[in-house]
Amino acid sequence: MRKKWLLSIPLLINIFSCEIFHTGGNPDEGKCSLIVKEHGNMRNNIVINCSLESNCNVSLLFLLVGTPVGYGCSDGFEYEFVQNNETSVVKRNYDRSKPSENTSIKLDLDADEHVRFSLLDINNVEKKYDIDLSGIVHSFTVRGDSVDVNVMRGCNLHLYSCKKETVYGSNLLNGKYTFSKTDGCDPDYSYRCSWHNQGSLETDDLDIYASIYWKK
């Protein structure tokens, strides 16, 4: 439960930051009725949980979209979400008193550990995503009493219970970090990435929060 709560903290921070972004000292400031339906710069989260005995569960949380030029102030966004030829509406209101639809969606992980989906705007402009998660879901190798973890650039690793410092992939010479199975670490570690210029329009930021089990 503690680790799930820790993973949820960045999500809550992002959600609250959306509201702060649209409100100010004036109580009427930032109150908008316009819903953005054309593509703008987006910031979203992907949450992954991988155990040793089952497939990984992957979810996409839609958080914030930048206002396209000419829109002015906005109160949220609405797009068509497409995955495996199935469609649904993604609608988010920054005002918590208004309903949001499908702002958290389960993603299918393909055989090559990619997730692929599209967003269509009101002009039927398609923004395609092909996100390679293989380096995360297969980030570790057990070697005798050692566990080798490949920590990619733009990503970091945190081990629970064994009091080790956070490992940043950008600071590693070869991207590899090794710890011992006898160090007393929990059976899972936290793997976080911040990736930019995502999607076919190369306009989106993506934060990834993964819990990877390396032993039962």
Protein backbone atom coordinates (compact mmCIF):
# COMPACT_ATOMS: atom_id res chain seq x y z
CA MET A 1 0.00 0.00 0.00
CA ARG A 2 2.88 2.39 0.85
CA LYS A 3 4.50 1.93 -2.54
CA LYS A 4 1.19 2.42 -4.39
CA TRP A 5 0.70 5.65 -2.50
CA LEU A 6 4.20 6.81 -3.38
CA LEU A 7 3.52 6.17 -7.06
CA SER A 8 0.24 8.10 -6.83
CA ILE A 9 1.86 11.24 -5.41
CA PRO A 10 3.28 12.48 -8.77
CA LEU A 11 -0.13 11.92 -10.35
CA LEU A 12 -1.87 14.02 -7.70
CA ILE A 13 0.74 16.74 -8.06
CA ASN A 14 0.16 16.90 -11.81
CA ILE A 15 -3.61 17.01 -11.39
CA PHE A 16 -3.44 19.80 -8.83
CA SER A 17 -0.97 21.68 -11.02
CA CYS A 18 -3.56 21.68 -13.80
CA GLU A 19 -6.00 23.47 -11.53
CA ILE A 20 -3.41 25.91 -10.24
CA PHE A 21 -2.43 26.71 -13.83
CA HIS A 22 -5.98 27.82 -14.57
CA THR A 23 -6.75 29.78 -11.39
CA GLY A 24 -5.23 32.77 -9.70
CA GLY A 25 -5.76 35.31 -6.92
CA ASN A 26 -8.88 36.66 -8.62
CA PRO A 27 -11.73 34.14 -8.01
CA ASP A 28 -13.07 34.81 -11.52
CA GLU A 29 -9.66 34.45 -13.15
CA GLY A 30 -9.17 31.19 -15.06
CA LYS A 31 -12.87 30.26 -15.07
CA CYS A 32 -13.54 29.20 -18.63
CA SER A 33 -16.26 27.35 -20.49
CA LEU A 34 -14.34 26.52 -23.66
CA ILE A 35 -13.34 22.86 -24.25
CA VAL A 36 -10.29 22.46 -26.50
CA LYS A 37 -11.04 20.06 -29.37
CA GLU A 38 -8.05 20.76 -31.60
CA HIS A 39 -4.64 19.24 -30.91
CA GLY A 40 -2.37 21.11 -28.51
CA ASN A 41 0.74 20.19 -26.55
CA MET A 42 -0.17 17.47 -24.03
CA ARG A 43 1.27 16.16 -20.78
CA ASN A 44 0.15 12.66 -19.80
CA ASN A 45 1.18 9.80 -17.51
CA ILE A 46 1.65 6.09 -18.17
CA VAL A 47 1.46 3.79 -15.13
CA ILE A 48 2.90 0.25 -15.40
CA ASN A 49 2.82 -2.70 -13.02
CA CYS A 50 4.79 -5.80 -14.04
CA SER A 51 4.86 -8.98 -11.97
CA LEU A 52 6.84 -12.15 -12.64
CA GLU A 53 3.78 -14.36 -13.06
CA SER A 54 1.51 -12.30 -15.33
CA ASN A 55 1.54 -9.74 -18.09
CA CYS A 56 2.14 -6.09 -17.34
CA ASN A 57 -0.82 -3.83 -16.64
CA VAL A 58 -0.50 -0.49 -18.43
CA SER A 59 -2.75 2.55 -18.01
CA LEU A 60 -2.70 6.00 -19.60
CA LEU A 61 -3.80 9.01 -17.54
CA PHE A 62 -4.72 12.14 -19.49
CA LEU A 63 -3.73 15.26 -17.55
CA LEU A 64 -3.26 18.54 -19.38
CA VAL A 65 -3.38 19.99 -22.88
CA GLY A 66 -1.91 23.33 -23.88
CA THR A 67 -4.28 25.84 -25.44
CA PRO A 68 -3.83 26.10 -29.21
CA VAL A 69 -3.21 29.55 -30.70
CA GLY A 70 -6.44 31.54 -30.94
CA TYR A 71 -8.34 29.60 -28.26
CA GLY A 72 -7.68 31.87 -25.29
CA CYS A 73 -8.72 30.42 -21.95
CA SER A 74 -10.01 26.83 -21.79
CA ASP A 75 -11.70 24.60 -19.22
CA GLY A 76 -10.58 21.22 -20.56
CA PHE A 77 -10.28 19.13 -23.71
CA GLU A 78 -12.07 16.45 -25.71
CA TYR A 79 -10.66 14.00 -28.29
CA GLU A 80 -11.45 10.65 -29.87
CA PHE A 81 -9.23 7.83 -28.61
CA VAL A 82 -8.49 4.89 -30.93
CA GLN A 83 -6.77 1.63 -30.02
CA ASN A 84 -7.01 -1.67 -31.94
CA ASN A 85 -9.85 -0.25 -34.07
CA GLU A 86 -11.92 0.54 -30.97
CA THR A 87 -12.88 4.14 -30.25
CA SER A 88 -13.98 6.09 -27.21
CA VAL A 89 -14.22 9.71 -26.08
CA VAL A 90 -11.49 11.21 -23.91
CA LYS A 91 -12.87 14.25 -22.11
CA ARG A 92 -11.33 16.11 -19.20
CA ASN A 93 -12.63 19.11 -17.27
CA TYR A 94 -10.18 20.99 -15.10
CA ASP A 95 -13.12 22.03 -12.91
CA ARG A 96 -13.59 19.07 -10.55
CA SER A 97 -17.29 19.87 -10.20
CA LYS A 98 -17.80 18.86 -13.83
CA PRO A 99 -17.64 15.26 -15.13
CA SER A 100 -14.63 13.83 -16.96
CA GLU A 101 -14.86 10.77 -19.21
CA ASN A 102 -12.25 8.05 -19.71
CA THR A 103 -9.35 10.15 -18.44
CA SER A 104 -7.68 6.89 -17.38
CA ILE A 105 -7.58 4.20 -20.07
CA LYS A 106 -6.09 0.71 -20.05
CA LEU A 107 -3.52 0.28 -22.81
CA ASP A 108 -2.85 -2.99 -24.62
CA LEU A 109 0.80 -4.00 -24.59
CA ASP A 110 1.68 -5.53 -27.96
CA ALA A 111 3.93 -8.57 -28.40
CA ASP A 112 6.96 -6.30 -28.92
CA GLU A 113 6.17 -4.40 -25.69
CA HIS A 114 4.99 -1.29 -27.52
CA VAL A 115 1.72 0.53 -26.86
CA ARG A 116 0.06 1.97 -29.95
CA PHE A 117 -2.94 4.28 -30.09
CA SER A 118 -4.20 7.48 -31.71
CA LEU A 119 -6.02 10.67 -30.80
CA LEU A 120 -8.27 12.39 -33.33
CA ASP A 121 -9.35 16.00 -32.91
CA ILE A 122 -12.48 17.77 -34.14
CA ASN A 123 -10.84 18.31 -37.56
CA ASN A 124 -10.13 14.56 -37.81
CA VAL A 125 -6.40 15.24 -37.54
CA GLU A 126 -4.78 12.07 -36.19
CA LYS A 127 -1.98 12.12 -33.65
CA LYS A 128 -0.38 8.64 -33.55
CA TYR A 129 1.57 7.13 -30.68
CA ASP A 130 4.00 4.21 -30.79
CA ILE A 131 5.68 4.05 -27.38
CA ASP A 132 8.39 1.46 -26.80
CA LEU A 133 8.15 0.18 -23.21
CA SER A 134 10.37 -2.87 -23.72
CA GLY A 135 13.35 -1.24 -22.01
CA ILE A 136 11.23 -0.74 -18.89
CA VAL A 137 9.30 -4.01 -18.63
CA HIS A 138 12.49 -5.97 -19.39
CA SER A 139 14.87 -3.65 -17.55
CA PHE A 140 16.50 -6.24 -15.26
CA THR A 141 18.52 -9.46 -15.50
CA VAL A 142 19.20 -11.79 -12.57
CA ARG A 143 22.82 -13.01 -12.62
CA GLY A 144 23.56 -15.39 -9.76
CA ASP A 145 23.19 -13.35 -6.58
CA SER A 146 23.24 -10.09 -8.55
CA VAL A 147 20.50 -8.13 -10.27
CA ASP A 148 21.52 -5.94 -13.22
CA VAL A 149 19.14 -3.10 -14.12
CA ASN A 150 19.40 -1.11 -17.33
CA VAL A 151 18.49 2.47 -16.39
CA MET A 152 17.90 4.43 -19.59
CA ARG A 153 18.71 8.09 -20.05
CA GLY A 154 15.80 10.23 -18.94
CA CYS A 155 14.85 7.53 -16.41
CA ASN A 156 15.63 6.75 -12.79
CA LEU A 157 15.49 3.72 -10.49
CA HIS A 158 14.47 3.59 -6.83
CA LEU A 159 14.82 0.50 -4.64
CA TYR A 160 12.64 0.11 -1.57
CA SER A 161 13.60 -0.97 1.97
CA CYS A 162 17.35 -1.39 1.34
CA LYS A 163 18.13 2.34 1.79
CA LYS A 164 19.80 2.88 -1.56
CA GLU A 165 19.88 6.25 -3.27
CA THR A 166 17.89 6.96 -6.41
CA VAL A 167 19.87 5.94 -9.51
CA TYR A 168 19.72 8.27 -12.52
CA GLY A 169 20.35 6.69 -15.90
CA SER A 170 21.85 9.89 -17.29
CA ASN A 171 24.63 9.62 -14.68
CA LEU A 172 25.62 6.04 -15.50
CA LEU A 173 28.49 5.43 -17.92
CA ASN A 174 27.02 2.27 -19.46
CA GLY A 175 23.40 2.53 -18.24
CA LYS A 176 23.82 -0.50 -15.94
CA TYR A 177 23.23 -0.57 -12.19
CA THR A 178 23.81 -3.71 -10.11
CA PHE A 179 22.55 -4.63 -6.65
CA SER A 180 22.71 -7.85 -4.66
CA LYS A 181 19.75 -10.16 -4.01
CA THR A 182 20.94 -10.24 -0.39
CA ASP A 183 20.76 -6.45 0.12
CA GLY A 184 17.26 -6.75 1.59
CA CYS A 185 15.53 -4.81 -1.18
CA ASP A 186 11.82 -5.29 -1.75
CA PRO A 187 10.79 -7.65 -4.58
CA ASP A 188 9.91 -4.69 -6.80
CA TYR A 189 11.56 -1.41 -7.74
CA SER A 190 10.25 1.90 -9.01
CA TYR A 191 11.26 2.91 -12.53
CA ARG A 192 10.39 6.43 -13.65
CA CYS A 193 10.98 8.19 -16.98
CA SER A 194 10.26 11.64 -18.38
CA TRP A 195 10.10 11.60 -22.17
CA HIS A 196 9.52 14.56 -24.43
CA ASN A 197 8.45 15.19 -28.05
CA GLN A 198 6.15 12.15 -28.05
CA GLY A 199 3.47 11.34 -30.62
CA SER A 200 3.59 11.72 -34.38
CA LEU A 201 3.34 15.51 -34.02
CA GLU A 202 6.24 15.45 -31.52
CA THR A 203 4.42 17.85 -29.21
CA ASP A 204 3.77 15.85 -26.03
CA ASP A 205 5.49 15.19 -22.71
CA LEU A 206 5.07 11.79 -21.11
CA ASP A 207 5.86 10.78 -17.53
CA ILE A 208 6.12 7.03 -16.87
CA TYR A 209 5.72 5.43 -13.44
CA ALA A 210 6.47 1.70 -13.33
CA SER A 211 6.61 -0.90 -10.57
CA ILE A 212 8.75 -3.82 -11.75
CA TYR A 213 8.90 -7.08 -9.77
CA TRP A 214 12.30 -8.79 -10.04
CA LYS A 215 11.46 -11.69 -7.68
CA LYS A 216 8.36 -13.34 -6.19
